[in-house]
């Protein structure tokens, strides 16, 4: 068991040393590639902010129109519900009168 641990430690040290040597030898290439990636990924912050504002305005308008649509829809439903409840109330009153007359 001790031998396996020692072999693993030695192999890890060799691989780590090789990777460090490679990175040291090619550090200029690596730094150049990193800089190239940074340039390619450079975003215009003003453009991002304007896009975000436009999307927020669009979302706000969509939410407001949806709220208005459901607000008007609820008023129609409330009127229908009230009319339906009044009909049921009238029918219940008629039944109560019939029960009182039967007693």
Protein backbone atom coordinates (compact mmCIF):
# COMPACT_ATOMS: atom_id res chain seq x y z
CA UNK A 1 0.00 0.00 0.00
CA UNK A 2 2.85 2.34 0.88
CA UNK A 3 4.56 1.54 -2.39
CA UNK A 4 1.40 2.49 -4.40
CA UNK A 5 1.16 5.81 -2.58
CA UNK A 6 4.82 6.53 -3.28
CA UNK A 7 4.44 5.68 -6.96
CA UNK A 8 1.35 7.90 -7.19
CA UNK A 9 3.17 10.76 -5.51
CA UNK A 10 6.18 10.44 -7.81
CA UNK A 11 3.99 10.25 -10.94
CA UNK A 12 1.97 13.27 -9.79
CA UNK A 13 5.16 15.25 -9.19
CA UNK A 14 6.51 14.30 -12.63
CA UNK A 15 3.27 15.27 -14.39
CA UNK A 16 3.03 18.52 -12.43
CA UNK A 17 6.64 19.34 -13.25
CA UNK A 18 6.11 18.61 -16.94
CA UNK A 19 3.00 20.80 -17.04
CA UNK A 20 4.83 23.62 -15.26
CA UNK A 21 7.79 23.34 -17.64
CA UNK A 22 5.45 23.40 -20.68
CA UNK A 23 3.56 26.43 -19.32
CA UNK A 24 6.84 28.23 -18.59
CA UNK A 25 8.26 27.48 -22.05
CA UNK A 26 5.06 28.56 -23.84
CA UNK A 27 3.91 31.33 -21.53
CA UNK A 28 4.12 33.97 -24.29
CA UNK A 29 1.88 31.88 -26.55
CA UNK A 30 -0.55 31.23 -23.72
CA UNK A 31 -0.71 34.92 -22.76
CA UNK A 32 -1.20 35.85 -26.43
CA UNK A 33 -4.12 33.42 -26.75
CA UNK A 34 -5.69 34.74 -23.54
CA UNK A 35 -5.41 38.33 -24.81
CA UNK A 36 -6.90 37.30 -28.15
CA UNK A 37 -9.87 35.72 -26.38
CA UNK A 38 -10.37 38.84 -24.26
CA UNK A 39 -10.41 41.02 -27.39
CA UNK A 40 -12.92 38.73 -29.11
CA UNK A 41 -15.17 38.71 -26.06
CA UNK A 42 -15.04 42.46 -25.48
CA UNK A 43 -18.60 43.78 -25.16
CA UNK A 44 -19.76 47.33 -25.67
CA UNK A 45 -21.29 48.16 -22.30
CA UNK A 46 -23.44 50.98 -23.69
CA UNK A 47 -24.92 48.65 -26.29
CA UNK A 48 -25.67 46.04 -23.64
CA UNK A 49 -27.33 48.65 -21.41
CA UNK A 50 -29.46 49.96 -24.29
CA UNK A 51 -30.51 46.43 -25.27
CA UNK A 52 -31.43 45.70 -21.66
CA UNK A 53 -33.48 48.92 -21.45
CA UNK A 54 -35.33 48.07 -24.66
CA UNK A 55 -36.12 44.57 -23.42
CA UNK A 56 -37.27 45.93 -20.06
CA UNK A 57 -39.53 48.47 -21.80
CA UNK A 58 -40.96 45.71 -24.00
CA UNK A 59 -41.56 43.48 -20.98
CA UNK A 60 -43.16 46.32 -19.02
CA UNK A 61 -45.48 47.13 -21.92
CA UNK A 62 -46.42 43.47 -22.27
CA UNK A 63 -47.17 43.13 -18.56
CA UNK A 64 -49.22 46.33 -18.52
CA UNK A 65 -51.27 45.28 -21.54
CA UNK A 66 -51.89 41.87 -19.99
CA UNK A 67 -53.00 43.47 -16.73
CA UNK A 68 -55.35 45.80 -18.57
CA UNK A 69 -56.80 42.92 -20.59
CA UNK A 70 -57.51 40.86 -17.49
CA UNK A 71 -58.75 43.90 -15.60
CA UNK A 72 -61.41 44.50 -18.24
CA UNK A 73 -62.12 40.77 -18.41
CA UNK A 74 -62.78 40.59 -14.68
CA UNK A 75 -65.28 43.45 -14.85
CA UNK A 76 -67.26 41.60 -17.51
CA UNK A 77 -67.12 38.42 -15.47
CA UNK A 78 -68.18 40.28 -12.34
CA UNK A 79 -71.25 41.63 -14.08
CA UNK A 80 -72.11 38.16 -15.38
CA UNK A 81 -71.50 36.64 -11.95
CA UNK A 82 -73.70 39.25 -10.26
CA UNK A 83 -76.50 38.65 -12.76
CA UNK A 84 -76.20 34.89 -12.24
CA UNK A 85 -76.25 35.31 -8.45
CA UNK A 86 -79.32 37.55 -8.65
CA UNK A 87 -81.13 34.90 -10.72
CA UNK A 88 -80.24 32.23 -8.17
CA UNK A 89 -81.39 34.52 -5.35
CA UNK A 90 -84.71 35.15 -7.09
CA UNK A 91 -85.18 31.38 -7.56
CA UNK A 92 -84.37 30.77 -3.86
CA UNK A 93 -86.86 33.46 -2.80
CA UNK A 94 -89.53 31.82 -4.93
CA UNK A 95 -88.81 28.46 -3.28
CA UNK A 96 -88.96 30.03 0.19
CA UNK A 97 -92.34 31.61 -0.64
CA UNK A 98 -93.60 28.26 -1.92
CA UNK A 99 -92.43 26.52 1.26
CA UNK A 100 -94.07 29.17 3.47
CA UNK A 101 -97.30 28.92 1.52
CA UNK A 102 -97.23 25.09 1.87
CA UNK A 103 -96.91 25.25 5.66
